[in-house]
Amino acid sequence: MSDAFSWINLRFLLDGLWVTIQVSVVSIIFSMILGGIAGTVRYSKVPVLSKIMGIIVDIIRNLPLLLIIFFTYFALPQIGIKLNIFWAAVAALTIFESAMLSEIFRAGLNAVPSGQTEAGMSSGLTYVQTLTMIVLPQAFKSMLPAILSQLISLIKDTSLAVIISLPELTHNAKIIYGQNTNYVIPMFIAMTAMYFVVCYLLSLVSNFLETSKYNY
């Protein structure tokens, strides 16, 4: 069993973990941008656009992520949009997580007392200025722990991209124990440890921010 943790195998797992981190970071950046825009549009109740955005978000939130991964990798090429494995995974995670994050953004914005908006606009600020300078900073602080929790889920969700052979952590572990069935348990132990370290570090940040929120 000790052979399962040879340097070659560990390096192969670390290569997979690096891909997992890369996909996660890129997806997080895009998801935060799109989720923030979608949540803000819904909060602002823009005529027609807010309702359309709400329908899109509700549809995506009620679809399994695996289906979205299949869509980005297998269906998009049928309409002329061909993505490689990495970007297909990023696109799927971004679509799914943007919908989740948009609800967090909308809830955070709704939690800010409406008097803050009224005070900002009465002082001569435009609605957009009030939103960006007064409402969003207050809302973001309160919703940051929830955002981090959702991003932890995103990191774990990258394992679903094994279905399209993305060479991430789960995929590489599967290749190793596929060559020797005696390595199944060691590989699961290794995967558990690696996912735990990454996610636990983020959870510590989330807990710290949650605690800090109540100290102000």
Protein backbone atom coordinates (compact mmCIF):
# COMPACT_ATOMS: atom_id res chain seq x y z
CA MET A 1 0.00 0.00 0.00
CA SER A 2 2.92 2.34 0.66
CA ASP A 3 3.72 2.17 -3.06
CA ALA A 4 0.50 4.07 -3.67
CA PHE A 5 2.10 7.14 -2.14
CA SER A 6 5.18 7.07 -4.31
CA TRP A 7 6.51 10.43 -5.48
CA ILE A 8 5.28 9.77 -9.02
CA ASN A 9 1.72 9.20 -7.81
CA LEU A 10 1.81 12.12 -5.38
CA ARG A 11 3.12 14.43 -8.08
CA PHE A 12 0.37 13.27 -10.42
CA LEU A 13 -2.20 14.02 -7.70
CA LEU A 14 -0.66 17.43 -7.05
CA ASP A 15 -0.85 18.15 -10.78
CA GLY A 16 -4.55 17.35 -10.58
CA LEU A 17 -4.96 19.54 -7.50
CA TRP A 18 -3.29 22.41 -9.36
CA VAL A 19 -5.80 22.05 -12.20
CA THR A 20 -8.60 22.00 -9.62
CA ILE A 21 -7.30 25.23 -8.12
CA GLN A 22 -6.88 26.87 -11.53
CA VAL A 23 -10.41 25.99 -12.62
CA SER A 24 -11.75 27.13 -9.25
CA VAL A 25 -9.97 30.49 -9.26
CA VAL A 26 -11.00 31.37 -12.83
CA SER A 27 -14.58 30.25 -12.17
CA ILE A 28 -14.69 32.23 -8.93
CA ILE A 29 -13.60 35.43 -10.68
CA PHE A 30 -16.20 35.11 -13.44
CA SER A 31 -18.91 33.95 -11.03
CA MET A 32 -18.37 36.90 -8.71
CA ILE A 33 -18.65 39.34 -11.60
CA LEU A 34 -21.70 37.77 -13.24
CA GLY A 35 -23.36 36.87 -9.94
CA GLY A 36 -22.85 40.40 -8.64
CA ILE A 37 -24.34 41.92 -11.78
CA ALA A 38 -27.32 39.55 -11.77
CA GLY A 39 -27.98 40.07 -8.06
CA THR A 40 -27.73 43.84 -8.37
CA VAL A 41 -30.08 43.92 -11.37
CA ARG A 42 -32.66 41.86 -9.50
CA TYR A 43 -32.30 44.03 -6.40
CA SER A 44 -32.70 47.22 -8.44
CA LYS A 45 -35.94 45.90 -9.99
CA VAL A 46 -35.07 47.10 -13.47
CA PRO A 47 -38.27 46.87 -15.54
CA VAL A 48 -38.52 43.65 -17.58
CA LEU A 49 -34.78 42.93 -17.24
CA SER A 50 -35.07 42.01 -13.54
CA LYS A 51 -37.90 39.58 -14.25
CA ILE A 52 -36.02 37.96 -17.14
CA MET A 53 -32.91 37.70 -14.97
CA GLY A 54 -34.98 36.15 -12.18
CA ILE A 55 -36.38 33.49 -14.53
CA ILE A 56 -32.90 32.63 -15.84
CA VAL A 57 -31.47 32.39 -12.32
CA ASP A 58 -34.33 30.19 -11.10
CA ILE A 59 -33.93 27.83 -14.06
CA ILE A 60 -30.17 27.46 -13.57
CA ARG A 61 -30.46 27.00 -9.80
CA ASN A 62 -32.86 24.10 -10.33
CA LEU A 63 -30.66 22.27 -12.84
CA PRO A 64 -28.03 19.72 -11.80
CA LEU A 65 -24.48 20.97 -12.35
CA LEU A 66 -23.64 17.76 -14.19
CA LEU A 67 -26.24 18.63 -16.83
CA ILE A 68 -24.69 22.07 -17.31
CA ILE A 69 -21.24 20.49 -17.71
CA PHE A 70 -22.63 18.19 -20.39
CA PHE A 71 -24.23 21.20 -22.08
CA THR A 72 -21.06 23.31 -22.22
CA TYR A 73 -18.89 20.46 -23.47
CA PHE A 74 -21.21 18.48 -25.74
CA ALA A 75 -24.08 20.79 -26.72
CA LEU A 76 -22.34 24.11 -27.33
CA PRO A 77 -20.19 22.69 -30.17
CA GLN A 78 -23.45 21.81 -31.96
CA ILE A 79 -24.18 25.54 -32.27
CA GLY A 80 -20.63 26.48 -33.21
CA ILE A 81 -19.17 27.20 -29.77
CA LYS A 82 -16.36 24.71 -29.19
CA LEU A 83 -14.57 24.87 -25.86
CA ASN A 84 -11.68 22.73 -24.68
CA ILE A 85 -12.11 20.69 -21.51
CA PHE A 86 -10.70 23.36 -19.21
CA TRP A 87 -12.91 26.18 -20.48
CA ALA A 88 -15.98 23.94 -20.73
CA ALA A 89 -15.57 23.17 -17.03
CA VAL A 90 -15.01 26.85 -16.22
CA ALA A 91 -18.07 27.86 -18.25
CA ALA A 92 -20.30 25.29 -16.53
CA LEU A 93 -19.13 26.20 -13.04
CA THR A 94 -19.44 29.90 -13.80
CA ILE A 95 -23.01 29.54 -15.09
CA PHE A 96 -24.08 27.48 -12.08
CA GLU A 97 -22.26 29.43 -9.37
CA SER A 98 -23.26 32.82 -10.81
CA ALA A 99 -26.89 31.89 -10.26
CA MET A 100 -26.16 30.84 -6.67
CA LEU A 101 -24.08 33.92 -5.92
CA SER A 102 -26.68 36.24 -7.43
CA GLU A 103 -29.12 35.18 -4.74
CA ILE A 104 -26.52 35.85 -2.05
CA PHE A 105 -25.86 39.30 -3.50
CA ARG A 106 -29.57 40.08 -3.75
CA ALA A 107 -30.22 38.93 -0.18
CA GLY A 108 -27.27 40.97 1.09
CA LEU A 109 -28.48 44.10 -0.69
CA ASN A 110 -32.02 43.62 0.59
CA ALA A 111 -30.66 43.36 4.13
CA VAL A 112 -29.38 46.95 3.99
CA PRO A 113 -32.08 49.29 5.39
CA SER A 114 -33.85 51.22 2.64
CA GLY A 115 -33.18 54.40 4.60
CA GLN A 116 -29.53 54.15 3.52
CA THR A 117 -30.55 54.48 -0.13
CA GLU A 118 -32.95 57.32 0.65
CA ALA A 119 -30.29 59.16 2.65
CA GLY A 120 -27.74 58.78 -0.14
CA MET A 121 -30.07 60.05 -2.84
CA SER A 122 -31.33 62.93 -0.68
CA SER A 123 -27.73 64.07 -0.27
CA GLY A 124 -27.44 64.53 -4.04
CA LEU A 125 -25.99 61.18 -5.09
CA THR A 126 -27.43 59.34 -8.07
CA TYR A 127 -28.94 55.88 -7.59
CA VAL A 128 -25.86 54.21 -9.06
CA GLN A 129 -23.54 56.25 -6.81
CA THR A 130 -25.65 55.43 -3.78
CA LEU A 131 -25.60 51.76 -4.68
CA THR A 132 -21.84 51.55 -5.25
CA MET A 133 -20.68 53.91 -2.49
CA ILE A 134 -23.16 53.24 0.32
CA VAL A 135 -25.28 50.11 -0.14
CA LEU A 136 -22.83 47.65 -1.71
CA PRO A 137 -20.01 48.14 0.83
CA GLN A 138 -22.41 47.46 3.72
CA ALA A 139 -24.03 44.52 1.97
CA PHE A 140 -20.75 42.92 0.89
CA LYS A 141 -19.42 42.80 4.43
CA SER A 142 -22.47 40.90 5.67
CA MET A 143 -22.64 38.47 2.77
CA LEU A 144 -18.90 37.69 2.51
CA PRO A 145 -19.07 34.58 4.75
CA ALA A 146 -21.94 33.21 2.66
CA ILE A 147 -20.00 33.93 -0.52
CA LEU A 148 -16.96 32.07 0.81
CA SER A 149 -19.14 29.09 1.77
CA GLN A 150 -20.50 28.98 -1.76
CA LEU A 151 -16.98 29.17 -3.17
CA ILE A 152 -15.99 26.19 -1.01
CA SER A 153 -18.83 24.29 -2.67
CA LEU A 154 -17.49 25.39 -6.06
CA ILE A 155 -14.09 23.85 -5.30
CA LYS A 156 -15.72 20.55 -4.39
CA ASP A 157 -17.97 20.73 -7.45
CA THR A 158 -14.92 20.74 -9.75
CA SER A 159 -14.74 16.99 -9.15
CA LEU A 160 -17.86 16.59 -11.33
CA ALA A 161 -15.77 17.65 -14.32
CA VAL A 162 -14.20 14.19 -14.19
CA ILE A 163 -17.13 13.22 -16.43
CA ILE A 164 -15.54 15.16 -19.31
CA SER A 165 -12.02 13.98 -18.39
CA LEU A 166 -10.76 17.26 -16.97
CA PRO A 167 -7.36 16.29 -15.50
CA GLU A 168 -8.23 17.54 -12.01
CA LEU A 169 -7.64 15.81 -8.68
CA THR A 170 -10.44 13.23 -8.84
CA HIS A 171 -9.62 12.38 -12.46
CA ASN A 172 -5.94 11.79 -11.72
CA ALA A 173 -6.70 9.71 -8.63
CA LYS A 174 -9.07 7.60 -10.71
CA ILE A 175 -6.31 6.93 -13.24
CA ILE A 176 -3.92 5.82 -10.48
CA TYR A 177 -6.27 3.37 -8.80
CA GLY A 178 -7.51 2.23 -12.21
CA GLN A 179 -4.01 0.86 -12.83
CA ASN A 180 -3.91 -0.94 -9.49
CA THR A 181 -7.08 -1.67 -7.54
CA ASN A 182 -5.03 -1.95 -4.34
CA TYR A 183 -4.59 1.80 -4.53
CA VAL A 184 -8.30 2.61 -4.25
CA ILE A 185 -8.31 3.30 -0.49
CA PRO A 186 -4.96 5.18 -0.47
CA MET A 187 -6.14 7.39 -3.32
CA PHE A 188 -9.38 8.18 -1.53
CA ILE A 189 -7.38 9.04 1.57
CA ALA A 190 -5.10 11.31 -0.46
CA MET A 191 -8.04 13.02 -2.21
CA THR A 192 -9.81 13.51 1.11
CA ALA A 193 -6.72 15.10 2.64
CA MET A 194 -6.14 17.47 -0.29
CA TYR A 195 -9.74 18.60 -0.63
CA PHE A 196 -9.95 18.99 3.14
CA VAL A 197 -6.86 21.19 3.39
CA VAL A 198 -8.00 23.56 0.63
CA CYS A 199 -11.63 23.78 1.80
CA TYR A 200 -10.75 23.94 5.48
CA LEU A 201 -8.45 26.91 4.92
CA LEU A 202 -11.29 28.74 3.18
CA SER A 203 -13.70 27.78 5.96
CA LEU A 204 -11.30 29.28 8.53
CA VAL A 205 -11.34 32.53 6.56
CA SER A 206 -15.14 32.37 6.44
CA ASN A 207 -15.37 31.77 10.21
CA PHE A 208 -12.95 34.62 10.89
CA LEU A 209 -15.00 37.02 8.77
CA GLU A 210 -18.22 35.84 10.40
CA THR A 211 -16.75 36.45 13.86
CA SER A 212 -15.28 39.81 12.85
CA LYS A 213 -18.67 40.94 11.54
CA TYR A 214 -20.11 40.84 15.03
CA ASN A 215 -17.17 42.62 16.60
CA TYR A 216 -17.92 45.91 14.90
